[in-house]
Amino acid sequence: MRAADNDTPTLPEDPAALRALLVETRVLVDTLTAERDTLSSRCDSVTAERDALVERNERLRHLLLKLQRRQFGRRSER
């Protein structure tokens, strides 16, 4: 299926072999597309979770600063 002098693949001359190669390629493309879609969906959910956690951390930092101001006043260094 490959020429001896280079790495360029050569196609078979038999129509049945060409069809089989086409079906094999199509199955591989479909599998890779499904895997890409799954990974993309997972990436989207992980990104959403990260954003929610960042927002929660910001809210908790704000509450912590608020509590520190109540306990120590505006300038705790004095």
N, C-alpha and C. Protein backbone atom coordinates (compact mmCIF):
# COMPACT_ATOMS: atom_id res chain seq x y z
N MET A 1 0.81 -1.19 0.00
CA MET A 1 0.00 0.00 0.00
C MET A 1 0.86 1.26 0.00
N ARG A 2 2.13 1.19 0.38
CA ARG A 2 3.02 2.35 0.34
C ARG A 2 4.07 2.16 -0.75
N ALA A 3 4.42 3.26 -1.36
CA ALA A 3 5.47 3.19 -2.36
C ALA A 3 6.80 2.98 -1.65
N ALA A 4 7.71 2.29 -2.28
CA ALA A 4 8.98 1.94 -1.64
C ALA A 4 9.91 3.14 -1.49
N ASP A 5 9.81 4.13 -2.37
CA ASP A 5 10.78 5.22 -2.36
C ASP A 5 10.36 6.43 -1.53
N ASN A 6 9.11 6.51 -1.08
CA ASN A 6 8.71 7.63 -0.23
C ASN A 6 7.65 7.19 0.77
N ASP A 7 7.25 8.11 1.63
CA ASP A 7 6.28 7.77 2.67
C ASP A 7 4.84 8.12 2.29
N THR A 8 4.61 8.52 1.05
CA THR A 8 3.28 8.86 0.60
C THR A 8 2.47 7.58 0.38
N PRO A 9 1.30 7.47 1.05
CA PRO A 9 0.51 6.24 0.84
C PRO A 9 -0.08 6.21 -0.57
N THR A 10 -0.17 5.03 -1.10
CA THR A 10 -0.83 4.86 -2.40
C THR A 10 -2.17 4.18 -2.15
N LEU A 11 -3.15 4.54 -2.92
CA LEU A 11 -4.48 3.95 -2.76
C LEU A 11 -4.57 2.66 -3.53
N PRO A 12 -5.34 1.73 -2.97
CA PRO A 12 -5.53 0.47 -3.71
C PRO A 12 -6.38 0.70 -4.97
N GLU A 13 -6.19 -0.14 -5.96
CA GLU A 13 -6.93 0.00 -7.22
C GLU A 13 -8.29 -0.69 -7.15
N ASP A 14 -8.43 -1.65 -6.26
CA ASP A 14 -9.66 -2.43 -6.13
C ASP A 14 -10.75 -1.57 -5.47
N PRO A 15 -11.92 -1.44 -6.10
CA PRO A 15 -13.01 -0.62 -5.53
C PRO A 15 -13.46 -1.11 -4.15
N ALA A 16 -13.48 -2.40 -3.94
CA ALA A 16 -13.89 -2.94 -2.63
C ALA A 16 -12.89 -2.54 -1.55
N ALA A 17 -11.62 -2.59 -1.89
CA ALA A 17 -10.59 -2.18 -0.93
C ALA A 17 -10.68 -0.68 -0.65
N LEU A 18 -10.98 0.10 -1.68
CA LEU A 18 -11.17 1.54 -1.48
C LEU A 18 -12.36 1.83 -0.57
N ARG A 19 -13.46 1.09 -0.80
CA ARG A 19 -14.64 1.26 0.06
C ARG A 19 -14.31 0.90 1.51
N ALA A 20 -13.60 -0.19 1.69
CA ALA A 20 -13.22 -0.62 3.04
C ALA A 20 -12.34 0.44 3.71
N LEU A 21 -11.43 1.00 2.97
CA LEU A 21 -10.56 2.05 3.50
C LEU A 21 -11.38 3.29 3.86
N LEU A 22 -12.34 3.61 3.01
CA LEU A 22 -13.21 4.76 3.28
C LEU A 22 -14.06 4.52 4.53
N VAL A 23 -14.62 3.34 4.67
CA VAL A 23 -15.44 3.02 5.85
C VAL A 23 -14.57 3.07 7.10
N GLU A 24 -13.39 2.51 7.04
CA GLU A 24 -12.47 2.52 8.19
C GLU A 24 -12.12 3.96 8.59
N THR A 25 -11.87 4.80 7.60
CA THR A 25 -11.55 6.20 7.86
C THR A 25 -12.75 6.92 8.48
N ARG A 26 -13.94 6.64 7.95
CA ARG A 26 -15.16 7.29 8.46
C ARG A 26 -15.43 6.88 9.91
N VAL A 27 -15.23 5.62 10.23
CA VAL A 27 -15.43 5.14 11.60
C VAL A 27 -14.43 5.84 12.53
N LEU A 28 -13.20 5.97 12.09
CA LEU A 28 -12.18 6.64 12.90
C LEU A 28 -12.55 8.11 13.11
N VAL A 29 -13.01 8.78 12.06
CA VAL A 29 -13.41 10.20 12.18
C VAL A 29 -14.59 10.32 13.14
N ASP A 30 -15.58 9.44 13.02
CA ASP A 30 -16.74 9.49 13.91
C ASP A 30 -16.33 9.26 15.37
N THR A 31 -15.42 8.32 15.59
CA THR A 31 -14.94 8.04 16.94
C THR A 31 -14.20 9.25 17.51
N LEU A 32 -13.34 9.84 16.70
CA LEU A 32 -12.59 11.00 17.17
C LEU A 32 -13.51 12.20 17.40
N THR A 33 -14.53 12.35 16.58
CA THR A 33 -15.48 13.45 16.76
C THR A 33 -16.25 13.27 18.06
N ALA A 34 -16.69 12.06 18.34
CA ALA A 34 -17.42 11.79 19.59
C ALA A 34 -16.51 12.03 20.79
N GLU A 35 -15.26 11.61 20.70
CA GLU A 35 -14.31 11.83 21.80
C GLU A 35 -14.06 13.32 22.00
N ARG A 36 -13.93 14.06 20.90
CA ARG A 36 -13.74 15.52 21.00
C ARG A 36 -14.93 16.17 21.66
N ASP A 37 -16.13 15.76 21.28
CA ASP A 37 -17.35 16.34 21.86
C ASP A 37 -17.44 16.04 23.36
N THR A 38 -17.08 14.83 23.74
CA THR A 38 -17.08 14.45 25.16
C THR A 38 -16.08 15.29 25.94
N LEU A 39 -14.88 15.44 25.40
CA LEU A 39 -13.86 16.23 26.08
C LEU A 39 -14.24 17.71 26.14
N SER A 40 -14.87 18.20 25.09
CA SER A 40 -15.31 19.59 25.08
C SER A 40 -16.38 19.82 26.14
N SER A 41 -17.31 18.90 26.25
CA SER A 41 -18.36 19.01 27.26
C SER A 41 -17.76 18.96 28.67
N ARG A 42 -16.82 18.06 28.86
CA ARG A 42 -16.16 17.94 30.17
C ARG A 42 -15.39 19.23 30.49
N CYS A 43 -14.72 19.76 29.50
CA CYS A 43 -13.97 21.01 29.68
C CYS A 43 -14.91 22.15 30.05
N ASP A 44 -16.07 22.21 29.40
CA ASP A 44 -17.05 23.25 29.71
C ASP A 44 -17.54 23.12 31.15
N SER A 45 -17.79 21.90 31.61
CA SER A 45 -18.28 21.72 32.98
C SER A 45 -17.19 22.04 34.00
N VAL A 46 -15.96 21.69 33.70
CA VAL A 46 -14.85 22.00 34.60
C VAL A 46 -14.64 23.52 34.66
N THR A 47 -14.76 24.19 33.51
CA THR A 47 -14.63 25.65 33.47
C THR A 47 -15.73 26.31 34.30
N ALA A 48 -16.95 25.81 34.17
CA ALA A 48 -18.06 26.37 34.94
C ALA A 48 -17.84 26.15 36.44
N GLU A 49 -17.35 24.98 36.80
CA GLU A 49 -17.06 24.70 38.22
C GLU A 49 -15.96 25.62 38.74
N ARG A 50 -14.92 25.82 37.93
CA ARG A 50 -13.84 26.72 38.33
C ARG A 50 -14.35 28.14 38.54
N ASP A 51 -15.17 28.62 37.62
CA ASP A 51 -15.72 29.97 37.73
C ASP A 51 -16.57 30.11 38.99
N ALA A 52 -17.37 29.08 39.29
CA ALA A 52 -18.20 29.12 40.50
C ALA A 52 -17.33 29.15 41.75
N LEU A 53 -16.24 28.39 41.74
CA LEU A 53 -15.34 28.37 42.90
C LEU A 53 -14.60 29.69 43.06
N VAL A 54 -14.20 30.30 41.96
CA VAL A 54 -13.55 31.61 42.02
C VAL A 54 -14.51 32.63 42.61
N GLU A 55 -15.75 32.60 42.16
CA GLU A 55 -16.76 33.53 42.68
C GLU A 55 -16.99 33.30 44.18
N ARG A 56 -17.05 32.03 44.57
CA ARG A 56 -17.24 31.70 45.99
C ARG A 56 -16.06 32.19 46.82
N ASN A 57 -14.85 31.98 46.32
CA ASN A 57 -13.65 32.44 47.04
C ASN A 57 -13.67 33.96 47.21
N GLU A 58 -14.06 34.66 46.17
CA GLU A 58 -14.13 36.13 46.26
C GLU A 58 -15.15 36.55 47.31
N ARG A 59 -16.30 35.88 47.33
CA ARG A 59 -17.33 36.20 48.31
C ARG A 59 -16.83 35.91 49.72
N LEU A 60 -16.14 34.78 49.92
CA LEU A 60 -15.60 34.44 51.24
C LEU A 60 -14.51 35.42 51.68
N ARG A 61 -13.66 35.85 50.75
CA ARG A 61 -12.64 36.86 51.09
C ARG A 61 -13.30 38.16 51.54
N HIS A 62 -14.34 38.54 50.83
CA HIS A 62 -15.07 39.76 51.18
C HIS A 62 -15.66 39.63 52.58
N LEU A 63 -16.29 38.48 52.89
CA LEU A 63 -16.85 38.27 54.22
C LEU A 63 -15.77 38.26 55.29
N LEU A 64 -14.63 37.67 55.00
CA LEU A 64 -13.53 37.64 55.95
C LEU A 64 -13.03 39.06 56.24
N LEU A 65 -12.87 39.87 55.21
CA LEU A 65 -12.45 41.26 55.42
C LEU A 65 -13.48 42.02 56.25
N LYS A 66 -14.74 41.79 55.98
CA LYS A 66 -15.81 42.44 56.72
C LYS A 66 -15.76 42.06 58.20
N LEU A 67 -15.55 40.77 58.47
CA LEU A 67 -15.46 40.31 59.86
C LEU A 67 -14.21 40.87 60.55
N GLN A 68 -13.11 40.94 59.82
CA GLN A 68 -11.89 41.49 60.42
C GLN A 68 -12.07 42.96 60.75
N ARG A 69 -12.76 43.70 59.90
CA ARG A 69 -13.02 45.11 60.19
C ARG A 69 -13.88 45.26 61.44
N ARG A 70 -14.87 44.39 61.58
CA ARG A 70 -15.72 44.44 62.77
C ARG A 70 -14.92 44.12 64.03
N GLN A 71 -14.03 43.15 63.93
CA GLN A 71 -13.29 42.72 65.11
C GLN A 71 -12.17 43.69 65.44
N PHE A 72 -11.43 44.15 64.48
CA PHE A 72 -10.24 44.95 64.74
C PHE A 72 -10.40 46.43 64.37
N GLY A 73 -11.42 46.79 63.70
CA GLY A 73 -11.57 48.15 63.23
C GLY A 73 -10.91 48.31 61.86
N ARG A 74 -10.95 49.51 61.33
CA ARG A 74 -10.42 49.73 59.98
C ARG A 74 -8.91 49.59 59.91
N ARG A 75 -8.20 50.00 60.95
CA ARG A 75 -6.73 49.91 60.93
C ARG A 75 -6.24 49.11 62.10
N SER A 76 -6.00 47.83 61.85
CA SER A 76 -5.58 46.95 62.93
C SER A 76 -4.12 47.15 63.32
N GLU A 77 -3.34 47.87 62.50
CA GLU A 77 -1.92 48.06 62.80
C GLU A 77 -1.70 49.01 63.98
N ARG A 78 -2.63 49.88 64.27
CA ARG A 78 -2.44 50.89 65.33
C ARG A 78 -2.56 50.32 66.71
